[in-house]
């Protein structure tokens, strides 16, 4: 394979990667904890967009449980976002038919 071909493939990969990142940034990922008592939505940049809590879960005598539910929902939403990133990256790499020596 010629160096020119490798450079062209690298440029194609970079463009597709940038496009994929832009598309992913606009997607939203949602997760709940406590059987739906706390729901969190994040975007593809990992920014928390919203946190919704069932009023029944808000108890000043048990703030630790509420905090745990919020953390669990955020972590699950971020996990879903990361899995989507990995899936898109794998699809992109496979779709390119990239055949670089040693990879």
PDB file of N, CA and C in Angstrom:
ATOM      1  N   UNK A   1       0.856  -1.174   0.000  1.00  0.00           N
ATOM      2  CA  UNK A   1       0.000   0.000   0.000  1.00  0.00           C
ATOM      3  C   UNK A   1       0.903   1.240   0.000  1.00  0.00           C
ATOM      4  N   UNK A   2       0.568   2.189  -0.813  1.00  0.00           N
ATOM      5  CA  UNK A   2       1.367   3.404  -0.941  1.00  0.00           C
ATOM      6  C   UNK A   2       1.052   4.368   0.205  1.00  0.00           C
ATOM      7  N   UNK A   3       2.025   5.181   0.520  1.00  0.00           N
ATOM      8  CA  UNK A   3       1.867   6.161   1.587  1.00  0.00           C
ATOM      9  C   UNK A   3       0.728   7.127   1.274  1.00  0.00           C
ATOM     10  N   UNK A   4       0.546   7.469   0.005  1.00  0.00           N
ATOM     11  CA  UNK A   4      -0.553   8.347  -0.410  1.00  0.00           C
ATOM     12  C   UNK A   4      -1.903   7.746  -0.045  1.00  0.00           C
ATOM     13  N   UNK A   5      -2.051   6.446  -0.288  1.00  0.00           N
ATOM     14  CA  UNK A   5      -3.305   5.760   0.026  1.00  0.00           C
ATOM     15  C   UNK A   5      -3.551   5.753   1.532  1.00  0.00           C
ATOM     16  N   UNK A   6      -2.503   5.541   2.287  1.00  0.00           N
ATOM     17  CA  UNK A   6      -2.628   5.535   3.744  1.00  0.00           C
ATOM     18  C   UNK A   6      -3.065   6.910   4.235  1.00  0.00           C
ATOM     19  N   UNK A   7      -2.488   7.960   3.677  1.00  0.00           N
ATOM     20  CA  UNK A   7      -2.854   9.328   4.076  1.00  0.00           C
ATOM     21  C   UNK A   7      -4.306   9.635   3.719  1.00  0.00           C
ATOM     22  N   UNK A   8      -4.757   9.189   2.565  1.00  0.00           N
ATOM     23  CA  UNK A   8      -6.151   9.400   2.168  1.00  0.00           C
ATOM     24  C   UNK A   8      -7.089   8.686   3.123  1.00  0.00           C
ATOM     25  N   UNK A   9      -6.743   7.452   3.481  1.00  0.00           N
ATOM     26  CA  UNK A   9      -7.584   6.704   4.414  1.00  0.00           C
ATOM     27  C   UNK A   9      -7.602   7.380   5.777  1.00  0.00           C
ATOM     28  N   UNK A  10      -6.481   7.906   6.218  1.00  0.00           N
ATOM     29  CA  UNK A  10      -6.413   8.596   7.503  1.00  0.00           C
ATOM     30  C   UNK A  10      -7.289   9.850   7.483  1.00  0.00           C
ATOM     31  N   UNK A  11      -7.274  10.575   6.371  1.00  0.00           N
ATOM     32  CA  UNK A  11      -8.111  11.775   6.253  1.00  0.00           C
ATOM     33  C   UNK A  11      -9.590  11.407   6.255  1.00  0.00           C
ATOM     34  N   UNK A  12      -9.942  10.324   5.555  1.00  0.00           N
ATOM     35  CA  UNK A  12     -11.329   9.859   5.543  1.00  0.00           C
ATOM     36  C   UNK A  12     -11.765   9.480   6.955  1.00  0.00           C
ATOM     37  N   UNK A  13     -10.906   8.780   7.647  1.00  0.00           N
ATOM     38  CA  UNK A  13     -11.204   8.359   9.010  1.00  0.00           C
ATOM     39  C   UNK A  13     -11.406   9.563   9.909  1.00  0.00           C
ATOM     40  N   UNK A  14     -10.565  10.560   9.781  1.00  0.00           N
ATOM     41  CA  UNK A  14     -10.677  11.757  10.600  1.00  0.00           C
ATOM     42  C   UNK A  14     -11.997  12.479  10.333  1.00  0.00           C
ATOM     43  N   UNK A  15     -12.387  12.617   9.076  1.00  0.00           N
ATOM     44  CA  UNK A  15     -13.645  13.279   8.732  1.00  0.00           C
ATOM     45  C   UNK A  15     -14.835  12.504   9.281  1.00  0.00           C
ATOM     46  N   UNK A  16     -14.813  11.190   9.119  1.00  0.00           N
ATOM     47  CA  UNK A  16     -15.919  10.366   9.620  1.00  0.00           C
ATOM     48  C   UNK A  16     -15.980  10.417  11.140  1.00  0.00           C
ATOM     49  N   UNK A  17     -14.832  10.421  11.789  1.00  0.00           N
ATOM     50  CA  UNK A  17     -14.786  10.496  13.238  1.00  0.00           C
ATOM     51  C   UNK A  17     -15.378  11.816  13.728  1.00  0.00           C
ATOM     52  N   UNK A  18     -15.022  12.927  13.089  1.00  0.00           N
ATOM     53  CA  UNK A  18     -15.550  14.236  13.476  1.00  0.00           C
ATOM     54  C   UNK A  18     -17.062  14.285  13.282  1.00  0.00           C
ATOM     55  N   UNK A  19     -17.538  13.756  12.176  1.00  0.00           N
ATOM     56  CA  UNK A  19     -18.976  13.744  11.914  1.00  0.00           C
ATOM     57  C   UNK A  19     -19.693  12.895  12.954  1.00  0.00           C
ATOM     58  N   UNK A  20     -19.117  11.738  13.270  1.00  0.00           N
ATOM     59  CA  UNK A  20     -19.707  10.843  14.262  1.00  0.00           C
ATOM     60  C   UNK A  20     -19.773  11.524  15.619  1.00  0.00           C
ATOM     61  N   UNK A  21     -18.726  12.250  15.999  1.00  0.00           N
ATOM     62  CA  UNK A  21     -18.699  12.949  17.282  1.00  0.00           C
ATOM     63  C   UNK A  21     -19.771  14.042  17.330  1.00  0.00           C
ATOM     64  N   UNK A  22     -19.957  14.756  16.237  1.00  0.00           N
ATOM     65  CA  UNK A  22     -20.977  15.801  16.178  1.00  0.00           C
ATOM     66  C   UNK A  22     -22.375  15.209  16.299  1.00  0.00           C
ATOM     67  N   UNK A  23     -22.608  14.102  15.600  1.00  0.00           N
ATOM     68  CA  UNK A  23     -23.913  13.452  15.664  1.00  0.00           C
ATOM     69  C   UNK A  23     -24.177  12.908  17.061  1.00  0.00           C
ATOM     70  N   UNK A  24     -23.181  12.293  17.640  1.00  0.00           N
ATOM     71  CA  UNK A  24     -23.337  11.726  18.972  1.00  0.00           C
ATOM     72  C   UNK A  24     -23.583  12.816  20.017  1.00  0.00           C
ATOM     73  N   UNK A  25     -22.942  13.947  19.869  1.00  0.00           N
ATOM     74  CA  UNK A  25     -23.105  15.044  20.824  1.00  0.00           C
ATOM     75  C   UNK A  25     -24.552  15.515  20.888  1.00  0.00           C
ATOM     76  N   UNK A  26     -25.272  15.391  19.793  1.00  0.00           N
ATOM     77  CA  UNK A  26     -26.656  15.861  19.763  1.00  0.00           C
ATOM     78  C   UNK A  26     -27.651  14.811  20.254  1.00  0.00           C
ATOM     79  N   UNK A  27     -27.196  13.590  20.462  1.00  0.00           N
ATOM     80  CA  UNK A  27     -28.090  12.534  20.951  1.00  0.00           C
ATOM     81  C   UNK A  27     -28.264  12.646  22.460  1.00  0.00           C
ATOM     82  N   UNK A  28     -29.388  12.099  22.927  1.00  0.00           N
ATOM     83  CA  UNK A  28     -29.668  12.095  24.356  1.00  0.00           C
ATOM     84  C   UNK A  28     -29.798  10.660  24.843  1.00  0.00           C
ATOM     85  N   UNK A  29     -29.321  10.429  26.062  1.00  0.00           N
ATOM     86  CA  UNK A  29     -29.352   9.110  26.677  1.00  0.00           C
ATOM     87  C   UNK A  29     -29.998   9.245  28.044  1.00  0.00           C
ATOM     88  N   UNK A  30     -30.909   8.318  28.337  1.00  0.00           N
ATOM     89  CA  UNK A  30     -31.685   8.406  29.563  1.00  0.00           C
ATOM     90  C   UNK A  30     -31.559   7.117  30.356  1.00  0.00           C
ATOM     91  N   UNK A  31     -31.541   7.250  31.673  1.00  0.00           N
ATOM     92  CA  UNK A  31     -31.511   6.079  32.545  1.00  0.00           C
ATOM     93  C   UNK A  31     -32.235   6.424  33.840  1.00  0.00           C
ATOM     94  N   UNK A  32     -32.774   5.380  34.471  1.00  0.00           N
ATOM     95  CA  UNK A  32     -33.495   5.547  35.731  1.00  0.00           C
ATOM     96  C   UNK A  32     -32.902   4.640  36.790  1.00  0.00           C
ATOM     97  N   UNK A  33     -33.194   4.984  38.045  1.00  0.00           N
ATOM     98  CA  UNK A  33     -32.818   4.126  39.157  1.00  0.00           C
ATOM     99  C   UNK A  33     -33.968   4.119  40.154  1.00  0.00           C
ATOM    100  N   UNK A  34     -33.901   3.162  41.064  1.00  0.00           N
ATOM    101  CA  UNK A  34     -34.960   3.078  42.073  1.00  0.00           C
ATOM    102  C   UNK A  34     -36.311   2.780  41.463  1.00  0.00           C
ATOM    103  N   UNK A  35     -36.313   1.954  40.416  1.00  0.00           N
ATOM    104  CA  UNK A  35     -37.588   1.612  39.784  1.00  0.00           C
ATOM    105  C   UNK A  35     -38.269   2.802  39.142  1.00  0.00           C
ATOM    106  N   UNK A  36     -37.479   3.745  38.639  1.00  0.00           N
ATOM    107  CA  UNK A  36     -38.036   4.920  37.972  1.00  0.00           C
ATOM    108  C   UNK A  36     -38.223   6.105  38.901  1.00  0.00           C
ATOM    109  N   UNK A  37     -37.757   5.987  40.136  1.00  0.00           N
ATOM    110  CA  UNK A  37     -37.910   7.094  41.086  1.00  0.00           C
ATOM    111  C   UNK A  37     -37.026   8.291  40.714  1.00  0.00           C
ATOM    112  N   UNK A  38     -35.878   8.002  40.084  1.00  0.00           N
ATOM    113  CA  UNK A  38     -34.975   9.067  39.620  1.00  0.00           C
ATOM    114  C   UNK A  38     -34.628   8.774  38.174  1.00  0.00           C
ATOM    115  N   UNK A  39     -34.802   9.761  37.311  1.00  0.00           N
ATOM    116  CA  UNK A  39     -34.483   9.625  35.893  1.00  0.00           C
ATOM    117  C   UNK A  39     -33.534  10.750  35.500  1.00  0.00           C
ATOM    118  N   UNK A  40     -32.467  10.349  34.792  1.00  0.00           N
ATOM    119  CA  UNK A  40     -31.454  11.315  34.362  1.00  0.00           C
ATOM    120  C   UNK A  40     -31.305  11.235  32.855  1.00  0.00           C
ATOM    121  N   UNK A  41     -31.108  12.398  32.245  1.00  0.00           N
ATOM    122  CA  UNK A  41     -30.866  12.477  30.807  1.00  0.00           C
ATOM    123  C   UNK A  41     -29.538  13.185  30.594  1.00  0.00           C
ATOM    124  N   UNK A  42     -28.673  12.587  29.743  1.00  0.00           N
ATOM    125  CA  UNK A  42     -27.386  13.198  29.383  1.00  0.00           C
ATOM    126  C   UNK A  42     -27.297  13.282  27.869  1.00  0.00           C
ATOM    127  N   UNK A  43     -26.398  14.149  27.392  1.00  0.00           N
ATOM    128  CA  UNK A  43     -26.167  14.205  25.953  1.00  0.00           C
ATOM    129  C   UNK A  43     -24.882  13.464  25.615  1.00  0.00           C
ATOM    130  N   UNK A  44     -24.539  13.421  24.354  1.00  0.00           N
ATOM    131  CA  UNK A  44     -23.371  12.693  23.891  1.00  0.00           C
ATOM    132  C   UNK A  44     -22.044  13.306  24.293  1.00  0.00           C
ATOM    133  N   UNK A  45     -22.080  14.491  24.877  1.00  0.00           N
ATOM    134  CA  UNK A  45     -20.864  15.108  25.407  1.00  0.00           C
ATOM    135  C   UNK A  45     -20.679  14.773  26.882  1.00  0.00           C
ATOM    136  N   UNK A  46     -21.648  14.014  27.431  1.00  0.00           N
ATOM    137  CA  UNK A  46     -21.570  13.643  28.839  1.00  0.00           C
ATOM    138  C   UNK A  46     -22.098  14.708  29.780  1.00  0.00           C
ATOM    139  N   UNK A  47     -22.835  15.661  29.240  1.00  0.00           N
ATOM    140  CA  UNK A  47     -23.420  16.718  30.062  1.00  0.00           C
ATOM    141  C   UNK A  47     -24.793  16.272  30.558  1.00  0.00           C
ATOM    142  N   UNK A  48     -25.059  16.485  31.842  1.00  0.00           N
ATOM    143  CA  UNK A  48     -26.363  16.152  32.409  1.00  0.00           C
ATOM    144  C   UNK A  48     -27.356  17.209  31.947  1.00  0.00           C
ATOM    145  N   UNK A  49     -28.423  16.750  31.298  1.00  0.00           N
ATOM    146  CA  UNK A  49     -29.444  17.669  30.781  1.00  0.00           C
ATOM    147  C   UNK A  49     -30.596  17.847  31.761  1.00  0.00           C
ATOM    148  N   UNK A  50     -30.963  16.756  32.452  1.00  0.00           N
ATOM    149  CA  UNK A  50     -32.064  16.863  33.402  1.00  0.00           C
ATOM    150  C   UNK A  50     -32.000  15.738  34.427  1.00  0.00           C
ATOM    151  N   UNK A  51     -32.555  16.036  35.581  1.00  0.00           N
ATOM    152  CA  UNK A  51     -32.725  15.061  36.650  1.00  0.00           C
ATOM    153  C   UNK A  51     -34.171  15.211  37.122  1.00  0.00           C
ATOM    154  N   UNK A  52     -34.922  14.120  37.033  1.00  0.00           N
ATOM    155  CA  UNK A  52     -36.320  14.144  37.454  1.00  0.00           C
ATOM    156  C   UNK A  52     -36.486  13.146  38.594  1.00  0.00           C
ATOM    157  N   UNK A  53     -37.117  13.607  39.683  1.00  0.00           N
ATOM    158  CA  UNK A  53     -37.315  12.749  40.849  1.00  0.00           C
ATOM    159  C   UNK A  53     -38.787  12.651  41.191  1.00  0.00           C
ATOM    160  N   UNK A  54     -39.203  11.460  41.522  1.00  0.00           N
ATOM    161  CA  UNK A  54     -40.551  11.253  42.042  1.00  0.00           C
ATOM    162  C   UNK A  54     -40.591  11.919  43.420  1.00  0.00           C
ATOM    163  N   UNK A  55     -41.594  12.729  43.692  1.00  0.00           N
ATOM    164  CA  UNK A  55     -41.658  13.405  44.988  1.00  0.00           C
ATOM    165  C   UNK A  55     -41.595  12.445  46.188  1.00  0.00           C
ATOM    166  N   UNK A  56     -42.037  11.218  45.993  1.00  0.00           N
ATOM    167  CA  UNK A  56     -42.022  10.258  47.089  1.00  0.00           C
ATOM    168  C   UNK A  56     -40.605   9.873  47.517  1.00  0.00           C
ATOM    169  N   UNK A  57     -39.625  10.025  46.630  1.00  0.00           N
ATOM    170  CA  UNK A  57     -38.256   9.644  46.961  1.00  0.00           C
ATOM    171  C   UNK A  57     -37.540  10.749  47.742  1.00  0.00           C
ATOM    172  N   UNK A  58     -38.120  11.938  47.762  1.00  0.00           N
ATOM    173  CA  UNK A  58     -37.508  13.055  48.477  1.00  0.00           C
ATOM    174  C   UNK A  58     -37.927  12.990  49.944  1.00  0.00           C
ATOM    175  N   UNK A  59     -36.958  12.603  50.769  1.00  0.00           N
ATOM    176  CA  UNK A  59     -37.205  12.449  52.197  1.00  0.00           C
ATOM    177  C   UNK A  59     -35.997  13.025  52.927  1.00  0.00           C
ATOM    178  N   UNK A  60     -36.214  14.099  53.672  1.00  0.00           N
ATOM    179  CA  UNK A  60     -35.086  14.756  54.336  1.00  0.00           C
ATOM    180  C   UNK A  60     -34.408  13.854  55.351  1.00  0.00           C
ATOM    181  N   UNK A  61     -35.098  12.825  55.798  1.00  0.00           N
ATOM    182  CA  UNK A  61     -34.500  11.897  56.763  1.00  0.00           C
ATOM    183  C   UNK A  61     -33.672  10.814  56.087  1.00  0.00           C
ATOM    184  N   UNK A  62     -33.731  10.735  54.762  1.00  0.00           N
ATOM    185  CA  UNK A  62     -32.964   9.707  54.044  1.00  0.00           C
ATOM    186  C   UNK A  62     -32.343  10.289  52.774  1.00  0.00           C
ATOM    187  N   UNK A  63     -31.587  11.350  52.945  1.00  0.00           N
ATOM    188  CA  UNK A  63     -30.931  11.992  51.806  1.00  0.00           C
ATOM    189  C   UNK A  63     -29.901  11.078  51.164  1.00  0.00           C
ATOM    190  N   UNK A  64     -29.289  10.223  51.928  1.00  0.00           N
ATOM    191  CA  UNK A  64     -28.271   9.321  51.385  1.00  0.00           C
ATOM    192  C   UNK A  64     -28.863   8.416  50.301  1.00  0.00           C
ATOM    193  N   UNK A  65     -30.070   7.918  50.514  1.00  0.00           N
ATOM    194  CA  UNK A  65     -30.705   7.074  49.501  1.00  0.00           C
ATOM    195  C   UNK A  65     -30.951   7.875  48.218  1.00  0.00           C
ATOM    196  N   UNK A  66     -31.441   9.087  48.358  1.00  0.00           N
ATOM    197  CA  UNK A  66     -31.695   9.935  47.193  1.00  0.00           C
ATOM    198  C   UNK A  66     -30.393  10.212  46.444  1.00  0.00           C
ATOM    199  N   UNK A  67     -29.340  10.520  47.174  1.00  0.00           N
ATOM    200  CA  UNK A  67     -28.047  10.771  46.546  1.00  0.00           C
ATOM    201  C   UNK A  67     -27.563   9.534  45.791  1.00  0.00           C
ATOM    202  N   UNK A  68     -27.718   8.362  46.403  1.00  0.00           N
ATOM    203  CA  UNK A  68     -27.313   7.111  45.750  1.00  0.00           C
ATOM    204  C   UNK A  68     -28.112   6.870  44.473  1.00  0.00           C
ATOM    205  N   UNK A  69     -29.410   7.168  44.504  1.00  0.00           N
ATOM    206  CA  UNK A  69     -30.246   6.977  43.322  1.00  0.00           C
ATOM    207  C   UNK A  69     -29.841   7.923  42.197  1.00  0.00           C
ATOM    208  N   UNK A  70     -29.516   9.158  42.543  1.00  0.00           N
ATOM    209  CA  UNK A  70     -29.092  10.138  41.533  1.00  0.00           C
ATOM    210  C   UNK A  70     -27.771   9.695  40.908  1.00  0.00           C
ATOM    211  N   UNK A  71     -26.822   9.294  41.733  1.00  0.00           N
ATOM    212  CA  UNK A  71     -25.524   8.848  41.226  1.00  0.00           C
ATOM    213  C   UNK A  71     -25.704   7.618  40.331  1.00  0.00           C
ATOM    214  N   UNK A  72     -26.523   6.668  40.755  1.00  0.00           N
ATOM    215  CA  UNK A  72     -26.744   5.453  39.966  1.00  0.00           C
ATOM    216  C   UNK A  72     -27.360   5.777  38.607  1.00  0.00           C
ATOM    217  N   UNK A  73     -28.335   6.676  38.584  1.00  0.00           N
ATOM    218  CA  UNK A  73     -28.979   7.045  37.321  1.00  0.00           C
ATOM    219  C   UNK A  73     -28.009   7.774  36.399  1.00  0.00           C
ATOM    220  N   UNK A  74     -27.213   8.671  36.946  1.00  0.00           N
ATOM    221  CA  UNK A  74     -26.227   9.386  36.132  1.00  0.00           C
ATOM    222  C   UNK A  74     -25.212   8.410  35.553  1.00  0.00           C
ATOM    223  N   UNK A  75     -24.699   7.526  36.393  1.00  0.00           N
ATOM    224  CA  UNK A  75     -23.705   6.563  35.922  1.00  0.00           C
ATOM    225  C   UNK A  75     -24.262   5.657  34.829  1.00  0.00           C
ATOM    226  N   UNK A  76     -25.505   5.244  34.953  1.00  0.00           N
ATOM    227  CA  UNK A  76     -26.108   4.380  33.933  1.00  0.00           C
ATOM    228  C   UNK A  76     -26.309   5.151  32.628  1.00  0.00           C
ATOM    229  N   UNK A  77     -26.745   6.395  32.712  1.00  0.00           N
ATOM    230  CA  UNK A  77     -26.923   7.206  31.501  1.00  0.00           C
ATOM    231  C   UNK A  77     -25.581   7.416  30.803  1.00  0.00           C
ATOM    232  N   UNK A  78     -24.530   7.695  31.578  1.00  0.00           N
ATOM    233  CA  UNK A  78     -23.203   7.878  30.987  1.00  0.00           C
ATOM    234  C   UNK A  78     -22.689   6.571  30.384  1.00  0.00           C
ATOM    235  N   UNK A  79     -22.984   5.471  31.014  1.00  0.00           N
ATOM    236  CA  UNK A  79     -22.595   4.159  30.477  1.00  0.00           C
ATOM    237  C   UNK A  79     -23.265   3.929  29.122  1.00  0.00           C
ATOM    238  N   UNK A  80     -24.544   4.259  29.016  1.00  0.00           N
ATOM    239  CA  UNK A  80     -25.257   4.102  27.743  1.00  0.00           C
ATOM    240  C   UNK A  80     -24.650   4.990  26.669  1.00  0.00           C
ATOM    241  N   UNK A  81     -24.261   6.205  27.050  1.00  0.00           N
ATOM    242  CA  UNK A  81     -23.630   7.118  26.105  1.00  0.00           C
ATOM    243  C   UNK A  81     -22.293   6.555  25.631  1.00  0.00           C
ATOM    244  N   UNK A  82     -21.499   6.037  26.557  1.00  0.00           N
ATOM    245  CA  UNK A  82     -20.198   5.474  26.201  1.00  0.00           C
ATOM    246  C   UNK A  82     -20.344   4.236  25.312  1.00  0.00           C
ATOM    247  N   UNK A  83     -21.331   3.406  25.601  1.00  0.00           N
ATOM    248  CA  UNK A  83     -21.570   2.227  24.766  1.00  0.00           C
ATOM    249  C   UNK A  83     -21.958   2.639  23.351  1.00  0.00           C
ATOM    250  N   UNK A  84     -22.758   3.689  23.236  1.00  0.00           N
ATOM    251  CA  UNK A  84     -23.138   4.185  21.911  1.00  0.00           C
ATOM    252  C   UNK A  84     -21.909   4.699  21.164  1.00  0.00           C
ATOM    253  N   UNK A  85     -21.017   5.379  21.877  1.00  0.00           N
ATOM    254  CA  UNK A  85     -19.778   5.857  21.258  1.00  0.00           C
ATOM    255  C   UNK A  85     -18.944   4.685  20.753  1.00  0.00           C
ATOM    256  N   UNK A  86     -18.802   3.664  21.569  1.00  0.00           N
ATOM    257  CA  UNK A  86     -18.014   2.497  21.183  1.00  0.00           C
ATOM    258  C   UNK A  86     -18.631   1.778  19.993  1.00  0.00           C
ATOM    259  N   UNK A  87     -19.954   1.637  20.004  1.00  0.00           N
ATOM    260  CA  UNK A  87     -20.645   0.972  18.892  1.00  0.00           C
ATOM    261  C   UNK A  87     -20.453   1.748  17.595  1.00  0.00           C
ATOM    262  N   UNK A  88     -20.586   3.059  17.678  1.00  0.00           N
ATOM    263  CA  UNK A  88     -20.431   3.879  16.474  1.00  0.00           C
ATOM    264  C   UNK A  88     -19.001   3.824  15.955  1.00  0.00           C
ATOM    265  N   UNK A  89     -18.034   3.808  16.862  1.00  0.00           N
ATOM    266  CA  UNK A  89     -16.631   3.733  16.461  1.00  0.00           C
ATOM    267  C   UNK A  89     -16.355   2.392  15.781  1.00  0.00           C
ATOM    268  N   UNK A  90     -16.881   1.315  16.346  1.00  0.00           N
ATOM    269  CA  UNK A  90     -16.671  -0.008  15.753  1.00  0.00           C
ATOM    270  C   UNK A  90     -17.319  -0.080  14.370  1.00  0.00           C
ATOM    271  N   UNK A  91     -18.517   0.480  14.243  1.00  0.00           N
ATOM    272  CA  UNK A  91     -19.195   0.496  12.937  1.00  0.00           C
ATOM    273  C   UNK A  91     -18.395   1.298  11.927  1.00  0.00           C
ATOM    274  N   UNK A  92     -17.877   2.433  12.371  1.00  0.00           N
ATOM    275  CA  UNK A  92     -17.114   3.302  11.472  1.00  0.00           C
ATOM    276  C   UNK A  92     -15.849   2.596  10.996  1.00  0.00           C
ATOM    277  N   UNK A  93     -15.136   1.975  11.901  1.00  0.00           N
ATOM    278  CA  UNK A  93     -13.889   1.311  11.536  1.00  0.00           C
ATOM    279  C   UNK A  93     -14.167   0.140  10.599  1.00  0.00           C
ATOM    280  N   UNK A  94     -15.211  -0.630  10.894  1.00  0.00           N
ATOM    281  CA  UNK A  94     -15.552  -1.759  10.037  1.00  0.00           C
ATOM    282  C   UNK A  94     -16.054  -1.304   8.678  1.00  0.00           C
ATOM    283  N   UNK A  95     -16.804  -0.218   8.655  1.00  0.00           N
ATOM    284  CA  UNK A  95     -17.354   0.288   7.407  1.00  0.00           C
ATOM    285  C   UNK A  95     -16.325   0.896   6.484  1.00  0.00           C
ATOM    286  N   UNK A  96     -15.214   1.312   7.042  1.00  0.00           N
ATOM    287  CA  UNK A  96     -14.169   1.914   6.213  1.00  0.00           C
ATOM    288  C   UNK A  96     -13.395   0.869   5.428  1.00  0.00           C
ATOM    289  N   UNK A  97     -13.412  -0.349   5.940  1.00  0.00           N
ATOM    290  CA  UNK A  97     -12.591  -1.376   5.291  1.00  0.00           C
ATOM    291  C   UNK A  97     -11.126  -1.003   5.371  1.00  0.00           C
ATOM    292  N   UNK A  98     -10.764  -0.360   6.442  1.00  0.00           N
ATOM    293  CA  UNK A  98      -9.404   0.124   6.641  1.00  0.00           C
ATOM    294  C   UNK A  98      -8.443  -1.042   6.690  1.00  0.00           C
ATOM    295  N   UNK A  99      -7.459  -1.015   5.820  1.00  0.00           N
ATOM    296  CA  UNK A  99      -6.479  -2.098   5.744  1.00  0.00           C
ATOM    297  C   UNK A  99      -5.068  -1.533   5.833  1.00  0.00           C
ATOM    298  N   UNK A 100      -4.743  -1.090   7.060  1.00  0.00           N
ATOM    299  CA  UNK A 100      -3.412  -0.565   7.269  1.00  0.00           C
ATOM    300  C   UNK A 100      -2.497  -1.695   7.754  1.00  0.00           C
ATOM    301  N   UNK A 101      -1.278  -1.740   7.281  1.00  0.00           N
ATOM    302  CA  UNK A 101      -0.350  -2.790   7.713  1.00  0.00           C
ATOM    303  C   UNK A 101      -0.133  -2.713   9.225  1.00  0.00           C
ATOM    304  N   UNK A 102      -0.144  -3.877   9.856  1.00  0.00           N
ATOM    305  CA  UNK A 102       0.124  -3.957  11.280  1.00  0.00           C
ATOM    306  C   UNK A 102      -1.058  -3.643  12.174  1.00  0.00           C
ATOM    307  N   UNK A 103      -2.231  -3.381  11.597  1.00  0.00           N
ATOM    308  CA  UNK A 103      -3.418  -3.051  12.416  1.00  0.00           C
ATOM    309  C   UNK A 103      -4.454  -4.142  12.225  1.00  0.00           C
TER     310      UNK A 103
END
